[in-house]
Amino acid sequence: MEWQDIATAPKDGTRFLAYQKGDPVQECWWCEDFPEWSGWQNDWDSEPDPTHWMPLPAPPSLPPPSPMGVSDG
């Protein structure tokens, strides 16, 4: 995955990794929940101003759980 210009980031609520100079990489998304405001949002509600973005990585794959009462050994 490569960093892309923020102008190409999705504006449909999809979460992604965002880079803003001087801040740690954070998860962001475009928000239009309020009639008087729209913009980038993060979990800290700090209205970030990112310059670059990349898709979130896929979650790790985990082995399926063992049936109850069956051990692996």
PDB file of N, CA and C in Angstrom:
ATOM      1  N   MET A   1       0.845  -1.182   0.000  1.00  0.00           N
ATOM      2  CA  MET A   1       0.000   0.000   0.000  1.00  0.00           C
ATOM      3  C   MET A   1       0.888   1.242   0.000  1.00  0.00           C
ATOM      4  N   GLU A   2       0.481   2.209  -0.750  1.00  0.00           N
ATOM      5  CA  GLU A   2       1.213   3.472  -0.846  1.00  0.00           C
ATOM      6  C   GLU A   2       0.331   4.608  -0.354  1.00  0.00           C
ATOM      7  N   TRP A   3       0.947   5.636   0.218  1.00  0.00           N
ATOM      8  CA  TRP A   3       0.203   6.832   0.607  1.00  0.00           C
ATOM      9  C   TRP A   3      -0.287   7.538  -0.642  1.00  0.00           C
ATOM     10  N   GLN A   4      -1.523   8.033  -0.585  1.00  0.00           N
ATOM     11  CA  GLN A   4      -2.131   8.745  -1.707  1.00  0.00           C
ATOM     12  C   GLN A   4      -2.543  10.144  -1.252  1.00  0.00           C
ATOM     13  N   ASP A   5      -2.630  11.068  -2.190  1.00  0.00           N
ATOM     14  CA  ASP A   5      -3.064  12.430  -1.878  1.00  0.00           C
ATOM     15  C   ASP A   5      -4.472  12.395  -1.293  1.00  0.00           C
ATOM     16  N   ILE A   6      -4.729  13.204  -0.287  1.00  0.00           N
ATOM     17  CA  ILE A   6      -6.021  13.207   0.393  1.00  0.00           C
ATOM     18  C   ILE A   6      -7.171  13.552  -0.559  1.00  0.00           C
ATOM     19  N   ALA A   7      -6.890  14.232  -1.645  1.00  0.00           N
ATOM     20  CA  ALA A   7      -7.943  14.569  -2.616  1.00  0.00           C
ATOM     21  C   ALA A   7      -8.573  13.324  -3.227  1.00  0.00           C
ATOM     22  N   THR A   8      -7.861  12.193  -3.163  1.00  0.00           N
ATOM     23  CA  THR A   8      -8.387  10.953  -3.743  1.00  0.00           C
ATOM     24  C   THR A   8      -9.068  10.054  -2.699  1.00  0.00           C
ATOM     25  N   ALA A   9      -9.121  10.492  -1.445  1.00  0.00           N
ATOM     26  CA  ALA A   9      -9.702   9.672  -0.372  1.00  0.00           C
ATOM     27  C   ALA A   9     -11.214   9.532  -0.547  1.00  0.00           C
ATOM     28  N   PRO A  10     -11.774   8.401  -0.112  1.00  0.00           N
ATOM     29  CA  PRO A  10     -13.225   8.213  -0.220  1.00  0.00           C
ATOM     30  C   PRO A  10     -13.978   9.190   0.682  1.00  0.00           C
ATOM     31  N   LYS A  11     -15.118   9.633   0.209  1.00  0.00           N
ATOM     32  CA  LYS A  11     -15.960  10.534   1.003  1.00  0.00           C
ATOM     33  C   LYS A  11     -17.333   9.906   1.222  1.00  0.00           C
ATOM     34  N   ASP A  12     -17.316   8.585   1.457  1.00  0.00           N
ATOM     35  CA  ASP A  12     -18.574   7.855   1.673  1.00  0.00           C
ATOM     36  C   ASP A  12     -18.657   7.265   3.074  1.00  0.00           C
ATOM     37  N   GLY A  13     -17.794   7.729   3.986  1.00  0.00           N
ATOM     38  CA  GLY A  13     -17.790   7.218   5.349  1.00  0.00           C
ATOM     39  C   GLY A  13     -16.817   6.076   5.574  1.00  0.00           C
ATOM     40  N   THR A  14     -16.142   5.625   4.509  1.00  0.00           N
ATOM     41  CA  THR A  14     -15.145   4.563   4.631  1.00  0.00           C
ATOM     42  C   THR A  14     -13.990   5.039   5.511  1.00  0.00           C
ATOM     43  N   ARG A  15     -13.613   4.222   6.478  1.00  0.00           N
ATOM     44  CA  ARG A  15     -12.481   4.576   7.340  1.00  0.00           C
ATOM     45  C   ARG A  15     -11.170   4.194   6.661  1.00  0.00           C
ATOM     46  N   PHE A  16     -10.136   5.004   6.903  1.00  0.00           N
ATOM     47  CA  PHE A  16      -8.820   4.776   6.299  1.00  0.00           C
ATOM     48  C   PHE A  16      -7.747   5.337   7.213  1.00  0.00           C
ATOM     49  N   LEU A  17      -6.481   4.991   6.941  1.00  0.00           N
ATOM     50  CA  LEU A  17      -5.359   5.575   7.658  1.00  0.00           C
ATOM     51  C   LEU A  17      -5.067   6.940   7.068  1.00  0.00           C
ATOM     52  N   ALA A  18      -4.849   7.921   7.934  1.00  0.00           N
ATOM     53  CA  ALA A  18      -4.594   9.286   7.476  1.00  0.00           C
ATOM     54  C   ALA A  18      -3.291   9.805   8.064  1.00  0.00           C
ATOM     55  N   TYR A  19      -2.555  10.574   7.257  1.00  0.00           N
ATOM     56  CA  TYR A  19      -1.314  11.199   7.700  1.00  0.00           C
ATOM     57  C   TYR A  19      -1.505  12.701   7.724  1.00  0.00           C
ATOM     58  N   GLN A  20      -1.095  13.300   8.839  1.00  0.00           N
ATOM     59  CA  GLN A  20      -1.103  14.751   8.992  1.00  0.00           C
ATOM     60  C   GLN A  20       0.220  15.120   9.638  1.00  0.00           C
ATOM     61  N   LYS A  21       0.983  15.984   9.019  1.00  0.00           N
ATOM     62  CA  LYS A  21       2.312  16.337   9.519  1.00  0.00           C
ATOM     63  C   LYS A  21       2.226  16.760  10.985  1.00  0.00           C
ATOM     64  N   GLY A  22       3.123  16.197  11.791  1.00  0.00           N
ATOM     65  CA  GLY A  22       3.191  16.534  13.200  1.00  0.00           C
ATOM     66  C   GLY A  22       2.280  15.710  14.096  1.00  0.00           C
ATOM     67  N   ASP A  23       1.434  14.858  13.517  1.00  0.00           N
ATOM     68  CA  ASP A  23       0.530  14.008  14.291  1.00  0.00           C
ATOM     69  C   ASP A  23       0.791  12.545  13.973  1.00  0.00           C
ATOM     70  N   PRO A  24       0.419  11.645  14.898  1.00  0.00           N
ATOM     71  CA  PRO A  24       0.558  10.220  14.571  1.00  0.00           C
ATOM     72  C   PRO A  24      -0.433   9.828  13.479  1.00  0.00           C
ATOM     73  N   VAL A  25      -0.114   8.763  12.777  1.00  0.00           N
ATOM     74  CA  VAL A  25      -1.054   8.220  11.791  1.00  0.00           C
ATOM     75  C   VAL A  25      -2.326   7.860  12.547  1.00  0.00           C
ATOM     76  N   GLN A  26      -3.465   8.180  11.967  1.00  0.00           N
ATOM     77  CA  GLN A  26      -4.740   7.943  12.639  1.00  0.00           C
ATOM     78  C   GLN A  26      -5.782   7.424  11.671  1.00  0.00           C
ATOM     79  N   GLU A  27      -6.829   6.866  12.218  1.00  0.00           N
ATOM     80  CA  GLU A  27      -7.949   6.398  11.408  1.00  0.00           C
ATOM     81  C   GLU A  27      -8.911   7.569  11.220  1.00  0.00           C
ATOM     82  N   CYS A  28      -9.299   7.822   9.965  1.00  0.00           N
ATOM     83  CA  CYS A  28     -10.188   8.946   9.645  1.00  0.00           C
ATOM     84  C   CYS A  28     -11.284   8.506   8.691  1.00  0.00           C
ATOM     85  N   TRP A  29     -12.263   9.371   8.503  1.00  0.00           N
ATOM     86  CA  TRP A  29     -13.344   9.180   7.541  1.00  0.00           C
ATOM     87  C   TRP A  29     -13.979  10.527   7.265  1.00  0.00           C
ATOM     88  N   TRP A  30     -14.702  10.610   6.159  1.00  0.00           N
ATOM     89  CA  TRP A  30     -15.427  11.834   5.799  1.00  0.00           C
ATOM     90  C   TRP A  30     -16.771  11.814   6.508  1.00  0.00           C
ATOM     91  N   CYS A  31     -17.153  12.929   7.091  1.00  0.00           N
ATOM     92  CA  CYS A  31     -18.375  13.005   7.876  1.00  0.00           C
ATOM     93  C   CYS A  31     -19.260  14.144   7.358  1.00  0.00           C
ATOM     94  N   GLU A  32     -20.518  13.837   7.117  1.00  0.00           N
ATOM     95  CA  GLU A  32     -21.508  14.847   6.721  1.00  0.00           C
ATOM     96  C   GLU A  32     -22.755  14.709   7.589  1.00  0.00           C
ATOM     97  N   ASP A  33     -22.571  14.497   8.889  1.00  0.00           N
ATOM     98  CA  ASP A  33     -23.683  14.266   9.799  1.00  0.00           C
ATOM     99  C   ASP A  33     -24.418  15.531  10.229  1.00  0.00           C
ATOM    100  N   PHE A  34     -23.821  16.677   9.975  1.00  0.00           N
ATOM    101  CA  PHE A  34     -24.413  17.924  10.449  1.00  0.00           C
ATOM    102  C   PHE A  34     -24.680  18.850   9.271  1.00  0.00           C
ATOM    103  N   PRO A  35     -25.839  19.497   9.225  1.00  0.00           N
ATOM    104  CA  PRO A  35     -26.154  20.368   8.085  1.00  0.00           C
ATOM    105  C   PRO A  35     -25.178  21.541   7.942  1.00  0.00           C
ATOM    106  N   GLU A  36     -24.631  22.017   9.053  1.00  0.00           N
ATOM    107  CA  GLU A  36     -23.763  23.197   8.998  1.00  0.00           C
ATOM    108  C   GLU A  36     -22.277  22.856   8.888  1.00  0.00           C
ATOM    109  N   TRP A  37     -21.920  21.548   8.867  1.00  0.00           N
ATOM    110  CA  TRP A  37     -20.512  21.181   8.821  1.00  0.00           C
ATOM    111  C   TRP A  37     -20.325  19.834   8.146  1.00  0.00           C
ATOM    112  N   SER A  38     -19.262  19.716   7.374  1.00  0.00           N
ATOM    113  CA  SER A  38     -18.800  18.431   6.860  1.00  0.00           C
ATOM    114  C   SER A  38     -17.285  18.498   6.792  1.00  0.00           C
ATOM    115  N   GLY A  39     -16.628  17.359   6.953  1.00  0.00           N
ATOM    116  CA  GLY A  39     -15.176  17.337   6.896  1.00  0.00           C
ATOM    117  C   GLY A  39     -14.618  16.034   7.402  1.00  0.00           C
ATOM    118  N   TRP A  40     -13.294  15.976   7.497  1.00  0.00           N
ATOM    119  CA  TRP A  40     -12.620  14.783   7.997  1.00  0.00           C
ATOM    120  C   TRP A  40     -12.886  14.649   9.478  1.00  0.00           C
ATOM    121  N   GLN A  41     -13.048  13.421   9.915  1.00  0.00           N
ATOM    122  CA  GLN A  41     -13.355  13.122  11.315  1.00  0.00           C
ATOM    123  C   GLN A  41     -12.442  12.003  11.782  1.00  0.00           C
ATOM    124  N   ASN A  42     -12.183  11.951  13.103  1.00  0.00           N
ATOM    125  CA  ASN A  42     -11.441  10.837  13.692  1.00  0.00           C
ATOM    126  C   ASN A  42     -12.092  10.467  15.015  1.00  0.00           C
ATOM    127  N   ASP A  43     -11.564   9.456  15.675  1.00  0.00           N
ATOM    128  CA  ASP A  43     -12.154   8.978  16.926  1.00  0.00           C
ATOM    129  C   ASP A  43     -12.014   9.969  18.075  1.00  0.00           C
ATOM    130  N   TRP A  44     -11.148  10.963  17.952  1.00  0.00           N
ATOM    131  CA  TRP A  44     -10.960  11.956  19.002  1.00  0.00           C
ATOM    132  C   TRP A  44     -11.801  13.200  18.762  1.00  0.00           C
ATOM    133  N   ASP A  45     -12.575  13.209  17.675  1.00  0.00           N
ATOM    134  CA  ASP A  45     -13.439  14.348  17.368  1.00  0.00           C
ATOM    135  C   ASP A  45     -12.640  15.643  17.219  1.00  0.00           C
ATOM    136  N   SER A  46     -11.441  15.539  16.635  1.00  0.00           N
ATOM    137  CA  SER A  46     -10.554  16.707  16.578  1.00  0.00           C
ATOM    138  C   SER A  46     -10.485  17.384  15.211  1.00  0.00           C
ATOM    139  N   GLU A  47     -11.341  16.999  14.277  1.00  0.00           N
ATOM    140  CA  GLU A  47     -11.360  17.587  12.939  1.00  0.00           C
ATOM    141  C   GLU A  47      -9.962  17.641  12.325  1.00  0.00           C
ATOM    142  N   PRO A  48      -9.379  16.485  12.032  1.00  0.00           N
ATOM    143  CA  PRO A  48      -8.030  16.455  11.469  1.00  0.00           C
ATOM    144  C   PRO A  48      -7.966  17.111  10.092  1.00  0.00           C
ATOM    145  N   ASP A  49      -6.763  17.434   9.683  1.00  0.00           N
ATOM    146  CA  ASP A  49      -6.526  18.030   8.370  1.00  0.00           C
ATOM    147  C   ASP A  49      -5.448  17.223   7.651  1.00  0.00           C
ATOM    148  N   PRO A  50      -5.781  15.959   7.294  1.00  0.00           N
ATOM    149  CA  PRO A  50      -4.762  15.091   6.705  1.00  0.00           C
ATOM    150  C   PRO A  50      -4.355  15.535   5.302  1.00  0.00           C
ATOM    151  N   THR A  51      -3.134  15.150   4.938  1.00  0.00           N
ATOM    152  CA  THR A  51      -2.633  15.445   3.590  1.00  0.00           C
ATOM    153  C   THR A  51      -2.552  14.190   2.733  1.00  0.00           C
ATOM    154  N   HIS A  52      -2.513  13.003   3.382  1.00  0.00           N
ATOM    155  CA  HIS A  52      -2.381  11.739   2.664  1.00  0.00           C
ATOM    156  C   HIS A  52      -3.206  10.661   3.352  1.00  0.00           C
ATOM    157  N   TRP A  53      -3.520   9.612   2.597  1.00  0.00           N
ATOM    158  CA  TRP A  53      -4.316   8.512   3.131  1.00  0.00           C
ATOM    159  C   TRP A  53      -3.914   7.204   2.482  1.00  0.00           C
ATOM    160  N   MET A  54      -4.291   6.087   3.124  1.00  0.00           N
ATOM    161  CA  MET A  54      -4.169   4.752   2.534  1.00  0.00           C
ATOM    162  C   MET A  54      -5.257   3.880   3.153  1.00  0.00           C
ATOM    163  N   PRO A  55      -5.691   2.850   2.423  1.00  0.00           N
ATOM    164  CA  PRO A  55      -6.719   1.961   2.970  1.00  0.00           C
ATOM    165  C   PRO A  55      -6.239   1.265   4.241  1.00  0.00           C
ATOM    166  N   LEU A  56      -7.177   0.931   5.104  1.00  0.00           N
ATOM    167  CA  LEU A  56      -6.848   0.131   6.281  1.00  0.00           C
ATOM    168  C   LEU A  56      -6.403  -1.252   5.823  1.00  0.00           C
ATOM    169  N   PRO A  57      -5.443  -1.856   6.522  1.00  0.00           N
ATOM    170  CA  PRO A  57      -5.054  -3.221   6.152  1.00  0.00           C
ATOM    171  C   PRO A  57      -6.177  -4.194   6.497  1.00  0.00           C
ATOM    172  N   ALA A  58      -6.147  -5.343   5.871  1.00  0.00           N
ATOM    173  CA  ALA A  58      -7.125  -6.390   6.184  1.00  0.00           C
ATOM    174  C   ALA A  58      -6.864  -6.891   7.604  1.00  0.00           C
ATOM    175  N   PRO A  59      -7.904  -7.304   8.316  1.00  0.00           N
ATOM    176  CA  PRO A  59      -7.685  -7.849   9.659  1.00  0.00           C
ATOM    177  C   PRO A  59      -6.924  -9.173   9.570  1.00  0.00           C
ATOM    178  N   PRO A  60      -6.268  -9.564  10.654  1.00  0.00           N
ATOM    179  CA  PRO A  60      -5.531 -10.838  10.617  1.00  0.00           C
ATOM    180  C   PRO A  60      -6.492 -12.009  10.460  1.00  0.00           C
ATOM    181  N   SER A  61      -6.018 -13.040   9.797  1.00  0.00           N
ATOM    182  CA  SER A  61      -6.852 -14.232   9.687  1.00  0.00           C
ATOM    183  C   SER A  61      -6.545 -15.127  10.880  1.00  0.00           C
ATOM    184  N   LEU A  62      -7.596 -15.616  11.495  1.00  0.00           N
ATOM    185  CA  LEU A  62      -7.466 -16.457  12.678  1.00  0.00           C
ATOM    186  C   LEU A  62      -7.982 -17.855  12.353  1.00  0.00           C
ATOM    187  N   PRO A  63      -7.405 -18.877  12.974  1.00  0.00           N
ATOM    188  CA  PRO A  63      -7.933 -20.219  12.735  1.00  0.00           C
ATOM    189  C   PRO A  63      -9.354 -20.323  13.287  1.00  0.00           C
ATOM    190  N   PRO A  64     -10.179 -21.144  12.689  1.00  0.00           N
ATOM    191  CA  PRO A  64     -11.542 -21.291  13.216  1.00  0.00           C
ATOM    192  C   PRO A  64     -11.499 -21.880  14.614  1.00  0.00           C
ATOM    193  N   PRO A  65     -12.446 -21.498  15.480  1.00  0.00           N
ATOM    194  CA  PRO A  65     -12.455 -22.048  16.834  1.00  0.00           C
ATOM    195  C   PRO A  65     -12.711 -23.549  16.827  1.00  0.00           C
ATOM    196  N   SER A  66     -12.128 -24.247  17.793  1.00  0.00           N
ATOM    197  CA  SER A  66     -12.359 -25.695  17.935  1.00  0.00           C
ATOM    198  C   SER A  66     -13.769 -25.926  18.474  1.00  0.00           C
ATOM    199  N   PRO A  67     -14.407 -27.018  18.052  1.00  0.00           N
ATOM    200  CA  PRO A  67     -15.719 -27.328  18.632  1.00  0.00           C
ATOM    201  C   PRO A  67     -15.606 -27.508  20.146  1.00  0.00           C
ATOM    202  N   MET A  68     -16.640 -27.175  20.871  1.00  0.00           N
ATOM    203  CA  MET A  68     -16.635 -27.284  22.332  1.00  0.00           C
ATOM    204  C   MET A  68     -16.303 -28.705  22.747  1.00  0.00           C
ATOM    205  N   GLY A  69     -15.400 -28.844  23.708  1.00  0.00           N
ATOM    206  CA  GLY A  69     -15.064 -30.149  24.257  1.00  0.00           C
ATOM    207  C   GLY A  69     -14.017 -30.916  23.467  1.00  0.00           C
ATOM    208  N   VAL A  70     -13.547 -30.362  22.360  1.00  0.00           N
ATOM    209  CA  VAL A  70     -12.531 -31.026  21.538  1.00  0.00           C
ATOM    210  C   VAL A  70     -11.237 -30.255  21.699  1.00  0.00           C
ATOM    211  N   SER A  71     -10.167 -30.938  22.066  1.00  0.00           N
ATOM    212  CA  SER A  71      -8.891 -30.253  22.207  1.00  0.00           C
ATOM    213  C   SER A  71      -8.019 -30.541  20.996  1.00  0.00           C
ATOM    214  N   ASP A  72      -7.034 -29.660  20.813  1.00  0.00           N
ATOM    215  CA  ASP A  72      -6.110 -29.806  19.672  1.00  0.00           C
ATOM    216  C   ASP A  72      -4.996 -30.801  19.984  1.00  0.00           C
ATOM    217  N   GLY A  73      -4.864 -31.297  21.189  1.00  0.00           N
ATOM    218  CA  GLY A  73      -3.726 -32.134  21.516  1.00  0.00           C
ATOM    219  C   GLY A  73      -4.102 -33.346  22.151  1.00  0.00           C
TER     220      GLY A  73
END
